[in-house]
Amino acid sequence: MSVVIPMPNSHQMVNGQYLFFNRAAAVIRQETLTSENFVKFLRTLIFEHDLQKKMKQAISKLMPKGASKKIAQLIINMLENGKNN
């Protein structure tokens, strides 16, 4: 389950919208964020098990399995190649 609070007027808004429209994350706009609505929002996410399941399924369709390991390996390779130059 992911909650995204993107910086306004940045690429984060586009990324957040993509996740939201694919039902892979919940997005809260900074301009409307208050402590009260944030707590209410989190409580909804915590106790809505069907919503959690749907978000988990949606993000797994967007993110390939093992993606974090592949990204980490790419970074390691880039760092190692940088040492050799």
N, C-alpha and C. Protein backbone atom coordinates (compact mmCIF):
# COMPACT_ATOMS: atom_id res chain seq x y z
N MET A 1 0.85 -1.16 0.00
CA MET A 1 0.00 0.00 0.00
C MET A 1 0.90 1.23 0.00
N SER A 2 0.65 2.15 -0.92
CA SER A 2 1.47 3.34 -1.05
C SER A 2 0.64 4.60 -0.91
N VAL A 3 1.22 5.56 -0.22
CA VAL A 3 0.63 6.89 -0.13
C VAL A 3 1.65 7.86 -0.70
N VAL A 4 1.23 8.65 -1.66
CA VAL A 4 2.11 9.60 -2.32
C VAL A 4 1.62 11.00 -2.03
N ILE A 5 2.56 11.85 -1.58
CA ILE A 5 2.26 13.27 -1.39
C ILE A 5 3.27 14.03 -2.25
N PRO A 6 2.93 14.25 -3.51
CA PRO A 6 3.90 14.85 -4.44
C PRO A 6 4.11 16.35 -4.20
N MET A 7 5.32 16.79 -4.54
CA MET A 7 5.59 18.23 -4.52
C MET A 7 4.80 18.87 -5.65
N PRO A 8 4.12 19.97 -5.35
CA PRO A 8 3.34 20.64 -6.40
C PRO A 8 4.23 21.12 -7.55
N ASN A 9 3.66 21.13 -8.74
CA ASN A 9 4.33 21.65 -9.93
C ASN A 9 5.67 20.96 -10.20
N SER A 10 5.68 19.66 -10.05
CA SER A 10 6.91 18.92 -10.31
C SER A 10 6.56 17.60 -11.00
N HIS A 11 7.60 16.88 -11.40
CA HIS A 11 7.39 15.58 -12.02
C HIS A 11 6.70 14.61 -11.06
N GLN A 12 6.80 14.88 -9.76
CA GLN A 12 6.15 14.02 -8.78
C GLN A 12 4.63 14.01 -8.96
N MET A 13 4.08 15.12 -9.41
CA MET A 13 2.63 15.17 -9.66
C MET A 13 2.25 14.19 -10.76
N VAL A 14 3.04 14.16 -11.82
CA VAL A 14 2.78 13.26 -12.94
C VAL A 14 2.91 11.81 -12.49
N ASN A 15 3.96 11.52 -11.73
CA ASN A 15 4.17 10.15 -11.23
C ASN A 15 3.02 9.74 -10.31
N GLY A 16 2.62 10.63 -9.43
CA GLY A 16 1.51 10.34 -8.52
C GLY A 16 0.22 10.09 -9.26
N GLN A 17 -0.04 10.92 -10.27
CA GLN A 17 -1.26 10.74 -11.06
C GLN A 17 -1.25 9.39 -11.78
N TYR A 18 -0.11 9.02 -12.29
CA TYR A 18 0.00 7.73 -12.97
C TYR A 18 -0.35 6.58 -12.02
N LEU A 19 0.24 6.61 -10.82
CA LEU A 19 -0.06 5.57 -9.83
C LEU A 19 -1.51 5.59 -9.41
N PHE A 20 -2.05 6.79 -9.21
CA PHE A 20 -3.44 6.93 -8.79
C PHE A 20 -4.40 6.40 -9.85
N PHE A 21 -4.20 6.80 -11.10
CA PHE A 21 -5.10 6.36 -12.17
C PHE A 21 -5.01 4.86 -12.44
N ASN A 22 -3.89 4.27 -12.06
CA ASN A 22 -3.75 2.82 -12.19
C ASN A 22 -4.11 2.10 -10.90
N ARG A 23 -4.65 2.84 -9.95
CA ARG A 23 -5.12 2.31 -8.66
C ARG A 23 -4.00 1.63 -7.87
N ALA A 24 -2.77 2.12 -8.06
CA ALA A 24 -1.61 1.53 -7.41
C ALA A 24 -1.14 2.31 -6.19
N ALA A 25 -1.71 3.48 -5.96
CA ALA A 25 -1.32 4.29 -4.81
C ALA A 25 -2.42 5.30 -4.51
N ALA A 26 -2.43 5.72 -3.27
CA ALA A 26 -3.31 6.80 -2.87
C ALA A 26 -2.49 8.09 -2.93
N VAL A 27 -3.08 9.16 -3.42
CA VAL A 27 -2.36 10.41 -3.58
C VAL A 27 -3.09 11.51 -2.81
N ILE A 28 -2.31 12.28 -2.06
CA ILE A 28 -2.84 13.43 -1.35
C ILE A 28 -2.09 14.66 -1.85
N ARG A 29 -2.83 15.65 -2.25
CA ARG A 29 -2.21 16.89 -2.72
C ARG A 29 -1.75 17.72 -1.52
N GLN A 30 -0.55 18.24 -1.58
CA GLN A 30 -0.02 19.05 -0.48
C GLN A 30 -0.90 20.25 -0.17
N GLU A 31 -1.50 20.81 -1.23
CA GLU A 31 -2.30 22.02 -1.05
C GLU A 31 -3.52 21.78 -0.17
N THR A 32 -4.00 20.55 -0.12
CA THR A 32 -5.20 20.24 0.65
C THR A 32 -4.89 19.43 1.91
N LEU A 33 -3.63 19.16 2.15
CA LEU A 33 -3.23 18.31 3.26
C LEU A 33 -3.33 19.04 4.60
N THR A 34 -4.06 18.42 5.53
CA THR A 34 -4.10 18.88 6.92
C THR A 34 -3.86 17.67 7.80
N SER A 35 -3.49 17.88 9.03
CA SER A 35 -3.26 16.76 9.91
C SER A 35 -4.55 15.95 10.10
N GLU A 36 -5.68 16.64 10.15
CA GLU A 36 -6.95 15.95 10.36
C GLU A 36 -7.31 15.05 9.18
N ASN A 37 -7.23 15.61 7.95
CA ASN A 37 -7.61 14.76 6.82
C ASN A 37 -6.56 13.70 6.52
N PHE A 38 -5.32 13.94 6.92
CA PHE A 38 -4.29 12.93 6.73
C PHE A 38 -4.54 11.72 7.63
N VAL A 39 -4.86 11.98 8.90
CA VAL A 39 -5.16 10.89 9.83
C VAL A 39 -6.40 10.12 9.38
N LYS A 40 -7.43 10.83 8.95
CA LYS A 40 -8.65 10.18 8.46
C LYS A 40 -8.34 9.30 7.25
N PHE A 41 -7.54 9.84 6.36
CA PHE A 41 -7.14 9.14 5.15
C PHE A 41 -6.38 7.86 5.49
N LEU A 42 -5.41 7.96 6.40
CA LEU A 42 -4.62 6.78 6.78
C LEU A 42 -5.47 5.73 7.48
N ARG A 43 -6.39 6.16 8.31
CA ARG A 43 -7.27 5.20 8.97
C ARG A 43 -8.10 4.43 7.93
N THR A 44 -8.57 5.13 6.93
CA THR A 44 -9.33 4.47 5.87
C THR A 44 -8.47 3.42 5.19
N LEU A 45 -7.25 3.78 4.85
CA LEU A 45 -6.36 2.84 4.17
C LEU A 45 -6.01 1.65 5.05
N ILE A 46 -5.82 1.88 6.32
CA ILE A 46 -5.42 0.81 7.24
C ILE A 46 -6.54 -0.21 7.42
N PHE A 47 -7.77 0.28 7.50
CA PHE A 47 -8.89 -0.61 7.83
C PHE A 47 -9.67 -1.12 6.63
N GLU A 48 -9.39 -0.61 5.46
CA GLU A 48 -10.07 -1.09 4.24
C GLU A 48 -9.22 -2.17 3.58
N HIS A 49 -9.40 -3.40 4.03
CA HIS A 49 -8.56 -4.50 3.56
C HIS A 49 -8.76 -4.80 2.07
N ASP A 50 -9.98 -4.62 1.58
CA ASP A 50 -10.21 -4.83 0.15
C ASP A 50 -9.43 -3.80 -0.68
N LEU A 51 -9.41 -2.57 -0.21
CA LEU A 51 -8.67 -1.52 -0.90
C LEU A 51 -7.18 -1.84 -0.90
N GLN A 52 -6.66 -2.29 0.23
CA GLN A 52 -5.25 -2.67 0.31
C GLN A 52 -4.92 -3.77 -0.70
N LYS A 53 -5.79 -4.75 -0.78
CA LYS A 53 -5.57 -5.88 -1.70
C LYS A 53 -5.56 -5.40 -3.15
N LYS A 54 -6.51 -4.52 -3.50
CA LYS A 54 -6.58 -4.00 -4.86
C LYS A 54 -5.35 -3.18 -5.21
N MET A 55 -4.89 -2.35 -4.26
CA MET A 55 -3.71 -1.53 -4.51
C MET A 55 -2.47 -2.41 -4.67
N LYS A 56 -2.38 -3.44 -3.85
CA LYS A 56 -1.25 -4.36 -3.94
C LYS A 56 -1.22 -5.05 -5.30
N GLN A 57 -2.36 -5.50 -5.77
CA GLN A 57 -2.44 -6.15 -7.08
C GLN A 57 -2.08 -5.17 -8.19
N ALA A 58 -2.56 -3.93 -8.07
CA ALA A 58 -2.31 -2.93 -9.11
C ALA A 58 -0.84 -2.57 -9.19
N ILE A 59 -0.19 -2.36 -8.04
CA ILE A 59 1.23 -1.99 -8.08
C ILE A 59 2.08 -3.16 -8.57
N SER A 60 1.66 -4.38 -8.27
CA SER A 60 2.45 -5.52 -8.74
C SER A 60 2.38 -5.65 -10.25
N LYS A 61 1.31 -5.15 -10.87
CA LYS A 61 1.22 -5.16 -12.33
C LYS A 61 2.12 -4.10 -12.95
N LEU A 62 2.32 -3.00 -12.22
CA LEU A 62 3.14 -1.90 -12.75
C LEU A 62 4.63 -2.13 -12.51
N MET A 63 4.95 -2.75 -11.39
CA MET A 63 6.35 -2.93 -11.02
C MET A 63 6.77 -4.37 -11.25
N PRO A 64 7.72 -4.60 -12.11
CA PRO A 64 8.16 -5.97 -12.36
C PRO A 64 8.74 -6.60 -11.09
N LYS A 65 8.56 -7.88 -10.95
CA LYS A 65 9.10 -8.60 -9.80
C LYS A 65 10.62 -8.50 -9.81
N GLY A 66 11.18 -8.20 -8.66
CA GLY A 66 12.63 -8.08 -8.54
C GLY A 66 13.18 -6.76 -9.06
N ALA A 67 12.31 -5.78 -9.29
CA ALA A 67 12.75 -4.50 -9.86
C ALA A 67 13.76 -3.80 -8.96
N SER A 68 13.54 -3.83 -7.65
CA SER A 68 14.46 -3.14 -6.74
C SER A 68 15.85 -3.75 -6.79
N LYS A 69 15.93 -5.05 -6.90
CA LYS A 69 17.24 -5.71 -7.00
C LYS A 69 17.93 -5.34 -8.31
N LYS A 70 17.16 -5.28 -9.40
CA LYS A 70 17.73 -4.92 -10.70
C LYS A 70 18.25 -3.48 -10.68
N ILE A 71 17.50 -2.59 -10.07
CA ILE A 71 17.93 -1.19 -9.97
C ILE A 71 19.19 -1.08 -9.13
N ALA A 72 19.21 -1.79 -8.00
CA ALA A 72 20.40 -1.77 -7.14
C ALA A 72 21.62 -2.29 -7.89
N GLN A 73 21.44 -3.35 -8.67
CA GLN A 73 22.57 -3.91 -9.43
C GLN A 73 23.05 -2.93 -10.49
N LEU A 74 22.13 -2.22 -11.14
CA LEU A 74 22.52 -1.20 -12.12
C LEU A 74 23.36 -0.11 -11.47
N ILE A 75 22.95 0.32 -10.29
CA ILE A 75 23.69 1.37 -9.57
C ILE A 75 25.07 0.87 -9.19
N ILE A 76 25.14 -0.35 -8.67
CA ILE A 76 26.44 -0.92 -8.31
C ILE A 76 27.35 -1.01 -9.54
N ASN A 77 26.81 -1.47 -10.65
CA ASN A 77 27.61 -1.57 -11.88
C ASN A 77 28.10 -0.20 -12.33
N MET A 78 27.24 0.81 -12.23
CA MET A 78 27.64 2.16 -12.65
C MET A 78 28.75 2.68 -11.73
N LEU A 79 28.64 2.43 -10.43
CA LEU A 79 29.65 2.88 -9.50
C LEU A 79 30.98 2.17 -9.73
N GLU A 80 30.92 0.88 -9.98
CA GLU A 80 32.13 0.11 -10.23
C GLU A 80 32.79 0.56 -11.54
N ASN A 81 32.02 0.84 -12.56
CA ASN A 81 32.58 1.30 -13.82
C ASN A 81 33.17 2.69 -13.67
N GLY A 82 32.59 3.50 -12.80
CA GLY A 82 33.12 4.84 -12.55
C GLY A 82 34.46 4.81 -11.88
N LYS A 83 34.71 3.80 -11.04
CA LYS A 83 36.01 3.65 -10.36
C LYS A 83 37.12 3.34 -11.35
N ASN A 84 36.76 2.60 -12.41
CA ASN A 84 37.75 2.15 -13.37
C ASN A 84 38.13 3.21 -14.37
N ASN A 85 37.43 4.33 -14.39
CA ASN A 85 37.73 5.38 -15.38
C ASN A 85 38.63 6.43 -14.83
